[in-house]
């Protein structure tokens, strides 16, 4: 893997972990997510217009990925209200490639190597350590794990959709087109809830807005890395975000991250690397 591609993928991993930690430490993650989404969509709209390149065949994919992105952000924000980022994030990011692999094997007939099978086992063990073997629900781990699985399912689903949808539009345009309906739906629903307008107004601060910008920049860095290296290599490096989030959760979000949770995050990263390169 070229050094420049490695640096770009690692930078994307760091920024991805960072924007999740920013939203996870907010008092109202749902409202903060609304601010992040609106900021990102508005800020990157001029670039998407300038580089607009899409054919009509993209619209069915946009419709499906928008719905999945809406569910993804709703589940992610709700998860961060009830559980630590260092619990939700490794489960969500780790299980997603496992689910993609399982769909490929069971429904698409792609098959799986011994290395990928070993990767699935490592991810499973890592998730158990992150979740905490025999832990109760008092610290939110049970709820966090459940929402983590829901988020992972959304990631896996829109990954499979986007793999084909991106063939009909440039990446930035595809991302913007998919995020606009998701953002409108998310913010619209939140505003209709009790005190929704006040919640969004309170969350309208620089940090949530910065999280939205970081999410798009992280994606741009991945695109740049993919130009320079294989998708498998980039995916492997990018998943170090799981370990980065676990290490930064204590100093940045004030979470209690013990050796078990860190070890679990490390196993998740190793398992995803095997799945990506297997």
C-alpha atoms as a PDB file:
ATOM      1  CA  UNK A   1       0.000   0.000   0.000  1.00  0.00           C
ATOM      2  CA  UNK A   2       1.534   3.369  -0.993  1.00  0.00           C
ATOM      3  CA  UNK A   3       2.430   5.655   1.892  1.00  0.00           C
ATOM      4  CA  UNK A   4       0.180   8.486   0.704  1.00  0.00           C
ATOM      5  CA  UNK A   5      -2.817   6.145   0.514  1.00  0.00           C
ATOM      6  CA  UNK A   6      -2.037   4.841   4.000  1.00  0.00           C
ATOM      7  CA  UNK A   7      -1.879   8.373   5.418  1.00  0.00           C
ATOM      8  CA  UNK A   8      -5.151   9.341   3.733  1.00  0.00           C
ATOM      9  CA  UNK A   9      -6.977   6.225   4.980  1.00  0.00           C
ATOM     10  CA  UNK A  10      -5.578   6.654   8.493  1.00  0.00           C
ATOM     11  CA  UNK A  11      -6.598  10.314   8.465  1.00  0.00           C
ATOM     12  CA  UNK A  12     -10.105   9.297   7.449  1.00  0.00           C
ATOM     13  CA  UNK A  13     -10.221   6.774  10.306  1.00  0.00           C
ATOM     14  CA  UNK A  14      -9.180   9.422  12.823  1.00  0.00           C
ATOM     15  CA  UNK A  15     -11.753  11.959  11.594  1.00  0.00           C
ATOM     16  CA  UNK A  16     -14.515   9.345  11.496  1.00  0.00           C
ATOM     17  CA  UNK A  17     -13.825   8.380  15.097  1.00  0.00           C
ATOM     18  CA  UNK A  18     -13.591  12.040  16.084  1.00  0.00           C
ATOM     19  CA  UNK A  19     -16.958  13.115  14.689  1.00  0.00           C
ATOM     20  CA  UNK A  20     -18.632  10.169  16.381  1.00  0.00           C
ATOM     21  CA  UNK A  21     -17.022  11.106  19.699  1.00  0.00           C
ATOM     22  CA  UNK A  22     -18.166  14.709  19.285  1.00  0.00           C
ATOM     23  CA  UNK A  23     -21.780  13.649  18.785  1.00  0.00           C
ATOM     24  CA  UNK A  24     -21.541  10.973  21.472  1.00  0.00           C
ATOM     25  CA  UNK A  25     -20.465  13.452  24.161  1.00  0.00           C
ATOM     26  CA  UNK A  26     -23.286  15.898  23.410  1.00  0.00           C
ATOM     27  CA  UNK A  27     -26.057  16.205  25.982  1.00  0.00           C
ATOM     28  CA  UNK A  28     -28.649  15.802  23.205  1.00  0.00           C
ATOM     29  CA  UNK A  29     -27.084  13.605  20.498  1.00  0.00           C
ATOM     30  CA  UNK A  30     -30.260  13.549  18.376  1.00  0.00           C
ATOM     31  CA  UNK A  31     -30.405  17.338  18.083  1.00  0.00           C
ATOM     32  CA  UNK A  32     -26.626  17.590  17.641  1.00  0.00           C
ATOM     33  CA  UNK A  33     -26.853  15.100  14.779  1.00  0.00           C
ATOM     34  CA  UNK A  34     -29.458  17.317  13.104  1.00  0.00           C
ATOM     35  CA  UNK A  35     -27.061  20.273  13.232  1.00  0.00           C
ATOM     36  CA  UNK A  36     -24.217  18.119  11.878  1.00  0.00           C
ATOM     37  CA  UNK A  37     -26.309  16.869   8.960  1.00  0.00           C
ATOM     38  CA  UNK A  38     -27.623  20.291   7.969  1.00  0.00           C
ATOM     39  CA  UNK A  39     -24.143  21.831   8.161  1.00  0.00           C
ATOM     40  CA  UNK A  40     -22.579  19.140   5.990  1.00  0.00           C
ATOM     41  CA  UNK A  41     -25.324  19.140   3.357  1.00  0.00           C
ATOM     42  CA  UNK A  42     -25.374  22.934   3.040  1.00  0.00           C
ATOM     43  CA  UNK A  43     -21.593  23.350   3.057  1.00  0.00           C
ATOM     44  CA  UNK A  44     -20.902  20.711   0.404  1.00  0.00           C
ATOM     45  CA  UNK A  45     -23.869  21.534  -1.856  1.00  0.00           C
ATOM     46  CA  UNK A  46     -21.869  24.039  -3.989  1.00  0.00           C
ATOM     47  CA  UNK A  47     -19.173  21.425  -4.622  1.00  0.00           C
ATOM     48  CA  UNK A  48     -21.780  18.850  -5.654  1.00  0.00           C
ATOM     49  CA  UNK A  49     -23.409  21.358  -8.011  1.00  0.00           C
ATOM     50  CA  UNK A  50     -20.053  22.325  -9.500  1.00  0.00           C
ATOM     51  CA  UNK A  51     -19.033  18.695 -10.046  1.00  0.00           C
ATOM     52  CA  UNK A  52     -22.512  17.400 -10.866  1.00  0.00           C
ATOM     53  CA  UNK A  53     -22.353  14.145 -12.798  1.00  0.00           C
ATOM     54  CA  UNK A  54     -25.250  11.688 -12.561  1.00  0.00           C
ATOM     55  CA  UNK A  55     -27.389   9.712 -14.973  1.00  0.00           C
ATOM     56  CA  UNK A  56     -31.106   8.903 -14.454  1.00  0.00           C
ATOM     57  CA  UNK A  57     -30.357   5.341 -13.389  1.00  0.00           C
ATOM     58  CA  UNK A  58     -28.989   6.643 -10.079  1.00  0.00           C
ATOM     59  CA  UNK A  59     -32.382   7.691  -8.645  1.00  0.00           C
ATOM     60  CA  UNK A  60     -33.624   4.280  -7.420  1.00  0.00           C
ATOM     61  CA  UNK A  61     -30.329   3.852  -5.557  1.00  0.00           C
ATOM     62  CA  UNK A  62     -30.607   7.373  -4.122  1.00  0.00           C
ATOM     63  CA  UNK A  63     -34.119   6.607  -2.855  1.00  0.00           C
ATOM     64  CA  UNK A  64     -33.010   3.440  -1.067  1.00  0.00           C
ATOM     65  CA  UNK A  65     -29.729   4.779   0.330  1.00  0.00           C
ATOM     66  CA  UNK A  66     -31.488   7.933   1.607  1.00  0.00           C
ATOM     67  CA  UNK A  67     -33.935   5.823   3.592  1.00  0.00           C
ATOM     68  CA  UNK A  68     -31.107   3.700   4.984  1.00  0.00           C
ATOM     69  CA  UNK A  69     -29.044   6.787   5.887  1.00  0.00           C
ATOM     70  CA  UNK A  70     -32.046   8.240   7.701  1.00  0.00           C
ATOM     71  CA  UNK A  71     -32.457   5.076   9.771  1.00  0.00           C
ATOM     72  CA  UNK A  72     -28.694   4.926  10.326  1.00  0.00           C
ATOM     73  CA  UNK A  73     -28.396   8.419  11.783  1.00  0.00           C
ATOM     74  CA  UNK A  74     -31.556   8.026  13.867  1.00  0.00           C
ATOM     75  CA  UNK A  75     -30.278   4.754  15.357  1.00  0.00           C
ATOM     76  CA  UNK A  76     -26.772   6.133  15.879  1.00  0.00           C
ATOM     77  CA  UNK A  77     -27.956   9.272  17.679  1.00  0.00           C
ATOM     78  CA  UNK A  78     -30.346   7.269  19.870  1.00  0.00           C
ATOM     79  CA  UNK A  79     -27.581   4.807  20.707  1.00  0.00           C
ATOM     80  CA  UNK A  80     -25.295   7.619  21.834  1.00  0.00           C
ATOM     81  CA  UNK A  81     -28.010   8.902  24.145  1.00  0.00           C
ATOM     82  CA  UNK A  82     -28.144   5.570  25.983  1.00  0.00           C
ATOM     83  CA  UNK A  83     -24.611   4.139  25.757  1.00  0.00           C
ATOM     84  CA  UNK A  84     -20.941   5.015  25.417  1.00  0.00           C
ATOM     85  CA  UNK A  85     -19.342   5.593  22.035  1.00  0.00           C
ATOM     86  CA  UNK A  86     -16.690   3.030  22.989  1.00  0.00           C
ATOM     87  CA  UNK A  87     -19.476   0.404  23.187  1.00  0.00           C
ATOM     88  CA  UNK A  88     -21.667   1.390  20.225  1.00  0.00           C
ATOM     89  CA  UNK A  89     -18.941   2.324  17.744  1.00  0.00           C
ATOM     90  CA  UNK A  90     -16.886  -0.915  17.715  1.00  0.00           C
ATOM     91  CA  UNK A  91     -20.022  -3.042  17.466  1.00  0.00           C
ATOM     92  CA  UNK A  92     -21.495  -0.961  14.642  1.00  0.00           C
ATOM     93  CA  UNK A  93     -18.291  -0.645  12.629  1.00  0.00           C
ATOM     94  CA  UNK A  94     -17.159  -4.213  13.309  1.00  0.00           C
ATOM     95  CA  UNK A  95     -20.371  -6.062  12.537  1.00  0.00           C
ATOM     96  CA  UNK A  96     -21.095  -4.156   9.312  1.00  0.00           C
ATOM     97  CA  UNK A  97     -18.423  -5.895   7.175  1.00  0.00           C
ATOM     98  CA  UNK A  98     -19.399  -9.215   8.761  1.00  0.00           C
ATOM     99  CA  UNK A  99     -22.995  -8.714   7.642  1.00  0.00           C
ATOM    100  CA  UNK A 100     -21.881  -7.684   4.144  1.00  0.00           C
ATOM    101  CA  UNK A 101     -19.794 -10.862   3.921  1.00  0.00           C
ATOM    102  CA  UNK A 102     -22.664 -13.036   5.179  1.00  0.00           C
ATOM    103  CA  UNK A 103     -25.076 -11.551   2.636  1.00  0.00           C
ATOM    104  CA  UNK A 104     -22.516 -12.164  -0.084  1.00  0.00           C
ATOM    105  CA  UNK A 105     -22.088 -15.799   0.945  1.00  0.00           C
ATOM    106  CA  UNK A 106     -25.727 -16.706   1.608  1.00  0.00           C
ATOM    107  CA  UNK A 107     -27.531 -14.644  -1.039  1.00  0.00           C
ATOM    108  CA  UNK A 108     -25.001 -13.747  -3.720  1.00  0.00           C
ATOM    109  CA  UNK A 109     -22.943 -16.930  -3.687  1.00  0.00           C
ATOM    110  CA  UNK A 110     -19.604 -15.146  -3.435  1.00  0.00           C
ATOM    111  CA  UNK A 111     -18.020 -17.599  -1.009  1.00  0.00           C
ATOM    112  CA  UNK A 112     -15.640 -16.877   1.861  1.00  0.00           C
ATOM    113  CA  UNK A 113     -11.994 -17.739   2.507  1.00  0.00           C
ATOM    114  CA  UNK A 114     -10.556 -19.282   5.660  1.00  0.00           C
ATOM    115  CA  UNK A 115      -9.068 -15.888   6.556  1.00  0.00           C
ATOM    116  CA  UNK A 116     -12.468 -14.212   6.283  1.00  0.00           C
ATOM    117  CA  UNK A 117     -14.048 -16.918   8.440  1.00  0.00           C
ATOM    118  CA  UNK A 118     -11.345 -16.333  11.049  1.00  0.00           C
ATOM    119  CA  UNK A 119     -12.037 -12.599  10.794  1.00  0.00           C
ATOM    120  CA  UNK A 120     -15.708 -13.159  11.580  1.00  0.00           C
ATOM    121  CA  UNK A 121     -14.714 -15.132  14.684  1.00  0.00           C
ATOM    122  CA  UNK A 122     -12.359 -12.372  15.831  1.00  0.00           C
ATOM    123  CA  UNK A 123     -15.027  -9.705  15.344  1.00  0.00           C
ATOM    124  CA  UNK A 124     -17.501 -11.815  17.305  1.00  0.00           C
ATOM    125  CA  UNK A 125     -15.070 -12.258  20.188  1.00  0.00           C
ATOM    126  CA  UNK A 126     -14.188  -8.574  20.094  1.00  0.00           C
ATOM    127  CA  UNK A 127     -17.841  -7.557  20.242  1.00  0.00           C
ATOM    128  CA  UNK A 128     -18.334  -9.817  23.263  1.00  0.00           C
ATOM    129  CA  UNK A 129     -15.445  -8.110  25.062  1.00  0.00           C
ATOM    130  CA  UNK A 130     -16.699  -4.639  24.138  1.00  0.00           C
ATOM    131  CA  UNK A 131     -20.201  -5.560  25.255  1.00  0.00           C
ATOM    132  CA  UNK A 132     -18.861  -7.075  28.462  1.00  0.00           C
ATOM    133  CA  UNK A 133     -19.393 -10.753  29.199  1.00  0.00           C
ATOM    134  CA  UNK A 134     -22.080 -11.071  31.838  1.00  0.00           C
ATOM    135  CA  UNK A 135     -22.486  -7.296  32.195  1.00  0.00           C
ATOM    136  CA  UNK A 136     -25.856  -5.907  33.092  1.00  0.00           C
ATOM    137  CA  UNK A 137     -27.858  -3.110  31.609  1.00  0.00           C
ATOM    138  CA  UNK A 138     -27.122  -0.467  34.225  1.00  0.00           C
ATOM    139  CA  UNK A 139     -24.346   1.156  32.211  1.00  0.00           C
ATOM    140  CA  UNK A 140     -26.310   1.049  28.972  1.00  0.00           C
ATOM    141  CA  UNK A 141     -24.184  -1.649  27.353  1.00  0.00           C
ATOM    142  CA  UNK A 142     -27.152  -3.871  26.573  1.00  0.00           C
ATOM    143  CA  UNK A 143     -29.034  -1.041  24.881  1.00  0.00           C
ATOM    144  CA  UNK A 144     -25.838   0.149  23.207  1.00  0.00           C
ATOM    145  CA  UNK A 145     -25.148  -3.314  21.830  1.00  0.00           C
ATOM    146  CA  UNK A 146     -28.684  -3.613  20.450  1.00  0.00           C
ATOM    147  CA  UNK A 147     -28.498  -0.237  18.735  1.00  0.00           C
ATOM    148  CA  UNK A 148     -24.981  -1.065  17.570  1.00  0.00           C
ATOM    149  CA  UNK A 149     -26.361  -4.092  15.729  1.00  0.00           C
ATOM    150  CA  UNK A 150     -29.086  -1.897  14.191  1.00  0.00           C
ATOM    151  CA  UNK A 151     -26.506   0.647  13.030  1.00  0.00           C
ATOM    152  CA  UNK A 152     -24.302  -2.127  11.634  1.00  0.00           C
ATOM    153  CA  UNK A 153     -27.260  -3.501   9.690  1.00  0.00           C
ATOM    154  CA  UNK A 154     -27.852  -0.076   8.118  1.00  0.00           C
ATOM    155  CA  UNK A 155     -24.168   0.291   7.238  1.00  0.00           C
ATOM    156  CA  UNK A 156     -24.125  -3.145   5.626  1.00  0.00           C
ATOM    157  CA  UNK A 157     -27.324  -2.430   3.682  1.00  0.00           C
ATOM    158  CA  UNK A 158     -26.291   0.945   2.277  1.00  0.00           C
ATOM    159  CA  UNK A 159     -22.827  -0.418   1.504  1.00  0.00           C
ATOM    160  CA  UNK A 160     -24.374  -3.070  -0.737  1.00  0.00           C
ATOM    161  CA  UNK A 161     -26.675  -0.507  -2.355  1.00  0.00           C
ATOM    162  CA  UNK A 162     -23.975   2.125  -2.841  1.00  0.00           C
ATOM    163  CA  UNK A 163     -21.593  -0.384  -4.394  1.00  0.00           C
ATOM    164  CA  UNK A 164     -23.878  -0.367  -7.454  1.00  0.00           C
ATOM    165  CA  UNK A 165     -25.363   3.111  -7.142  1.00  0.00           C
ATOM    166  CA  UNK A 166     -21.985   4.846  -7.267  1.00  0.00           C
ATOM    167  CA  UNK A 167     -21.588   3.566 -10.833  1.00  0.00           C
ATOM    168  CA  UNK A 168     -24.193   6.125 -11.956  1.00  0.00           C
ATOM    169  CA  UNK A 169     -22.871   9.319 -10.317  1.00  0.00           C
ATOM    170  CA  UNK A 170     -19.647  10.902  -9.131  1.00  0.00           C
ATOM    171  CA  UNK A 171     -18.937  10.095  -5.454  1.00  0.00           C
ATOM    172  CA  UNK A 172     -19.470  13.585  -4.005  1.00  0.00           C
ATOM    173  CA  UNK A 173     -22.669  14.074  -6.004  1.00  0.00           C
ATOM    174  CA  UNK A 174     -23.938  10.634  -5.001  1.00  0.00           C
ATOM    175  CA  UNK A 175     -23.261  11.341  -1.328  1.00  0.00           C
ATOM    176  CA  UNK A 176     -24.932  14.753  -1.460  1.00  0.00           C
ATOM    177  CA  UNK A 177     -28.004  13.464  -3.313  1.00  0.00           C
ATOM    178  CA  UNK A 178     -28.392  10.649  -0.805  1.00  0.00           C
ATOM    179  CA  UNK A 179     -27.937  12.861   2.241  1.00  0.00           C
ATOM    180  CA  UNK A 180     -30.350  15.665   1.272  1.00  0.00           C
ATOM    181  CA  UNK A 181     -33.571  13.592   1.654  1.00  0.00           C
ATOM    182  CA  UNK A 182     -32.166  11.843   4.737  1.00  0.00           C
ATOM    183  CA  UNK A 183     -31.360  15.188   6.352  1.00  0.00           C
ATOM    184  CA  UNK A 184     -34.767  16.673   5.520  1.00  0.00           C
ATOM    185  CA  UNK A 185     -36.502  13.600   6.922  1.00  0.00           C
ATOM    186  CA  UNK A 186     -34.379  13.473  10.081  1.00  0.00           C
ATOM    187  CA  UNK A 187     -34.638  17.179  10.911  1.00  0.00           C
ATOM    188  CA  UNK A 188     -38.313  17.336   9.956  1.00  0.00           C
ATOM    189  CA  UNK A 189     -39.205  14.449  12.254  1.00  0.00           C
ATOM    190  CA  UNK A 190     -37.170  15.904  15.118  1.00  0.00           C
ATOM    191  CA  UNK A 191     -38.852  19.303  14.782  1.00  0.00           C
ATOM    192  CA  UNK A 192     -42.261  17.634  15.053  1.00  0.00           C
ATOM    193  CA  UNK A 193     -41.395  16.018  18.388  1.00  0.00           C
ATOM    194  CA  UNK A 194     -42.083  17.695  21.715  1.00  0.00           C
ATOM    195  CA  UNK A 195     -39.693  20.641  22.237  1.00  0.00           C
ATOM    196  CA  UNK A 196     -38.007  19.664  18.981  1.00  0.00           C
ATOM    197  CA  UNK A 197     -37.456  23.229  17.798  1.00  0.00           C
ATOM    198  CA  UNK A 198     -35.974  24.266  21.133  1.00  0.00           C
ATOM    199  CA  UNK A 199     -33.709  21.203  21.164  1.00  0.00           C
ATOM    200  CA  UNK A 200     -32.329  21.972  17.710  1.00  0.00           C
ATOM    201  CA  UNK A 201     -31.848  25.639  18.617  1.00  0.00           C
ATOM    202  CA  UNK A 202     -29.920  24.665  21.749  1.00  0.00           C
ATOM    203  CA  UNK A 203     -27.730  22.229  19.801  1.00  0.00           C
ATOM    204  CA  UNK A 204     -26.822  24.831  17.170  1.00  0.00           C
ATOM    205  CA  UNK A 205     -23.240  25.268  18.319  1.00  0.00           C
ATOM    206  CA  UNK A 206     -19.810  24.998  16.657  1.00  0.00           C
ATOM    207  CA  UNK A 207     -18.956  21.465  17.820  1.00  0.00           C
ATOM    208  CA  UNK A 208     -21.954  19.640  16.278  1.00  0.00           C
ATOM    209  CA  UNK A 209     -21.470  21.677  13.108  1.00  0.00           C
ATOM    210  CA  UNK A 210     -17.803  20.670  13.067  1.00  0.00           C
ATOM    211  CA  UNK A 211     -18.847  17.014  13.378  1.00  0.00           C
ATOM    212  CA  UNK A 212     -20.854  17.346  10.178  1.00  0.00           C
ATOM    213  CA  UNK A 213     -17.905  18.870   8.327  1.00  0.00           C
ATOM    214  CA  UNK A 214     -15.555  16.166   9.614  1.00  0.00           C
ATOM    215  CA  UNK A 215     -17.909  13.423   8.422  1.00  0.00           C
ATOM    216  CA  UNK A 216     -17.735  14.690   4.835  1.00  0.00           C
ATOM    217  CA  UNK A 217     -13.980  15.321   4.962  1.00  0.00           C
ATOM    218  CA  UNK A 218     -13.447  11.776   6.262  1.00  0.00           C
ATOM    219  CA  UNK A 219     -15.365  10.448   3.275  1.00  0.00           C
ATOM    220  CA  UNK A 220     -13.351  12.620   0.875  1.00  0.00           C
ATOM    221  CA  UNK A 221     -10.102  11.232   2.300  1.00  0.00           C
ATOM    222  CA  UNK A 222     -11.351   7.686   1.710  1.00  0.00           C
ATOM    223  CA  UNK A 223     -12.139   8.526  -1.898  1.00  0.00           C
ATOM    224  CA  UNK A 224      -8.638   9.949  -2.337  1.00  0.00           C
ATOM    225  CA  UNK A 225      -7.121   6.821  -0.772  1.00  0.00           C
ATOM    226  CA  UNK A 226      -9.140   4.547  -3.061  1.00  0.00           C
ATOM    227  CA  UNK A 227      -7.598   6.252  -6.082  1.00  0.00           C
ATOM    228  CA  UNK A 228      -4.142   5.249  -4.828  1.00  0.00           C
ATOM    229  CA  UNK A 229      -4.717   1.781  -3.319  1.00  0.00           C
ATOM    230  CA  UNK A 230      -7.056  -1.222  -3.399  1.00  0.00           C
ATOM    231  CA  UNK A 231     -10.426  -1.111  -1.644  1.00  0.00           C
ATOM    232  CA  UNK A 232      -9.422  -3.993   0.647  1.00  0.00           C
ATOM    233  CA  UNK A 233      -6.265  -2.227   1.820  1.00  0.00           C
ATOM    234  CA  UNK A 234      -8.090   1.063   2.387  1.00  0.00           C
ATOM    235  CA  UNK A 235     -10.915  -0.668   4.273  1.00  0.00           C
ATOM    236  CA  UNK A 236      -8.429  -2.407   6.557  1.00  0.00           C
ATOM    237  CA  UNK A 237      -6.675   0.821   7.507  1.00  0.00           C
ATOM    238  CA  UNK A 238      -9.913   2.755   7.809  1.00  0.00           C
ATOM    239  CA  UNK A 239     -11.289   0.321  10.376  1.00  0.00           C
ATOM    240  CA  UNK A 240      -8.545   1.377  12.789  1.00  0.00           C
ATOM    241  CA  UNK A 241     -11.125   4.057  13.646  1.00  0.00           C
ATOM    242  CA  UNK A 242     -12.584   1.467  16.016  1.00  0.00           C
ATOM    243  CA  UNK A 243      -9.385   1.396  18.056  1.00  0.00           C
ATOM    244  CA  UNK A 244      -8.899   5.158  17.756  1.00  0.00           C
ATOM    245  CA  UNK A 245     -12.401   5.769  19.120  1.00  0.00           C
ATOM    246  CA  UNK A 246     -11.777   3.401  22.035  1.00  0.00           C
ATOM    247  CA  UNK A 247      -8.514   5.148  22.970  1.00  0.00           C
ATOM    248  CA  UNK A 248      -9.933   8.671  22.630  1.00  0.00           C
ATOM    249  CA  UNK A 249     -13.232   7.955  24.395  1.00  0.00           C
ATOM    250  CA  UNK A 250     -11.716   8.407  27.848  1.00  0.00           C
ATOM    251  CA  UNK A 251      -9.883  11.748  27.356  1.00  0.00           C
ATOM    252  CA  UNK A 252     -12.410  13.316  24.963  1.00  0.00           C
ATOM    253  CA  UNK A 253     -15.744  11.937  26.145  1.00  0.00           C
ATOM    254  CA  UNK A 254     -14.990  11.017  29.759  1.00  0.00           C
ATOM    255  CA  UNK A 255     -15.925   7.362  29.270  1.00  0.00           C
ATOM    256  CA  UNK A 256     -14.567   4.520  31.355  1.00  0.00           C
ATOM    257  CA  UNK A 257     -12.631   2.393  28.908  1.00  0.00           C
ATOM    258  CA  UNK A 258     -11.001  -0.568  30.596  1.00  0.00           C
ATOM    259  CA  UNK A 259      -8.590  -3.181  29.233  1.00  0.00           C
ATOM    260  CA  UNK A 260     -11.451  -5.480  28.211  1.00  0.00           C
ATOM    261  CA  UNK A 261     -13.094  -2.880  26.006  1.00  0.00           C
ATOM    262  CA  UNK A 262      -9.763  -1.864  24.454  1.00  0.00           C
ATOM    263  CA  UNK A 263      -8.861  -5.496  23.790  1.00  0.00           C
ATOM    264  CA  UNK A 264     -12.256  -6.061  22.212  1.00  0.00           C
ATOM    265  CA  UNK A 265     -11.801  -3.054  19.944  1.00  0.00           C
ATOM    266  CA  UNK A 266      -8.381  -4.350  18.887  1.00  0.00           C
ATOM    267  CA  UNK A 267      -9.849  -7.773  18.038  1.00  0.00           C
ATOM    268  CA  UNK A 268     -12.591  -6.094  15.995  1.00  0.00           C
ATOM    269  CA  UNK A 269      -9.972  -4.218  13.989  1.00  0.00           C
ATOM    270  CA  UNK A 270      -7.957  -7.395  13.406  1.00  0.00           C
ATOM    271  CA  UNK A 271     -11.078  -9.302  12.362  1.00  0.00           C
ATOM    272  CA  UNK A 272     -12.206  -6.623   9.917  1.00  0.00           C
ATOM    273  CA  UNK A 273      -8.693  -6.534   8.415  1.00  0.00           C
ATOM    274  CA  UNK A 274      -8.872 -10.282   7.770  1.00  0.00           C
ATOM    275  CA  UNK A 275     -12.318  -9.942   6.207  1.00  0.00           C
ATOM    276  CA  UNK A 276     -11.178  -7.088   3.964  1.00  0.00           C
ATOM    277  CA  UNK A 277      -7.965  -8.751   2.791  1.00  0.00           C
ATOM    278  CA  UNK A 278      -9.155 -12.370   2.849  1.00  0.00           C
END
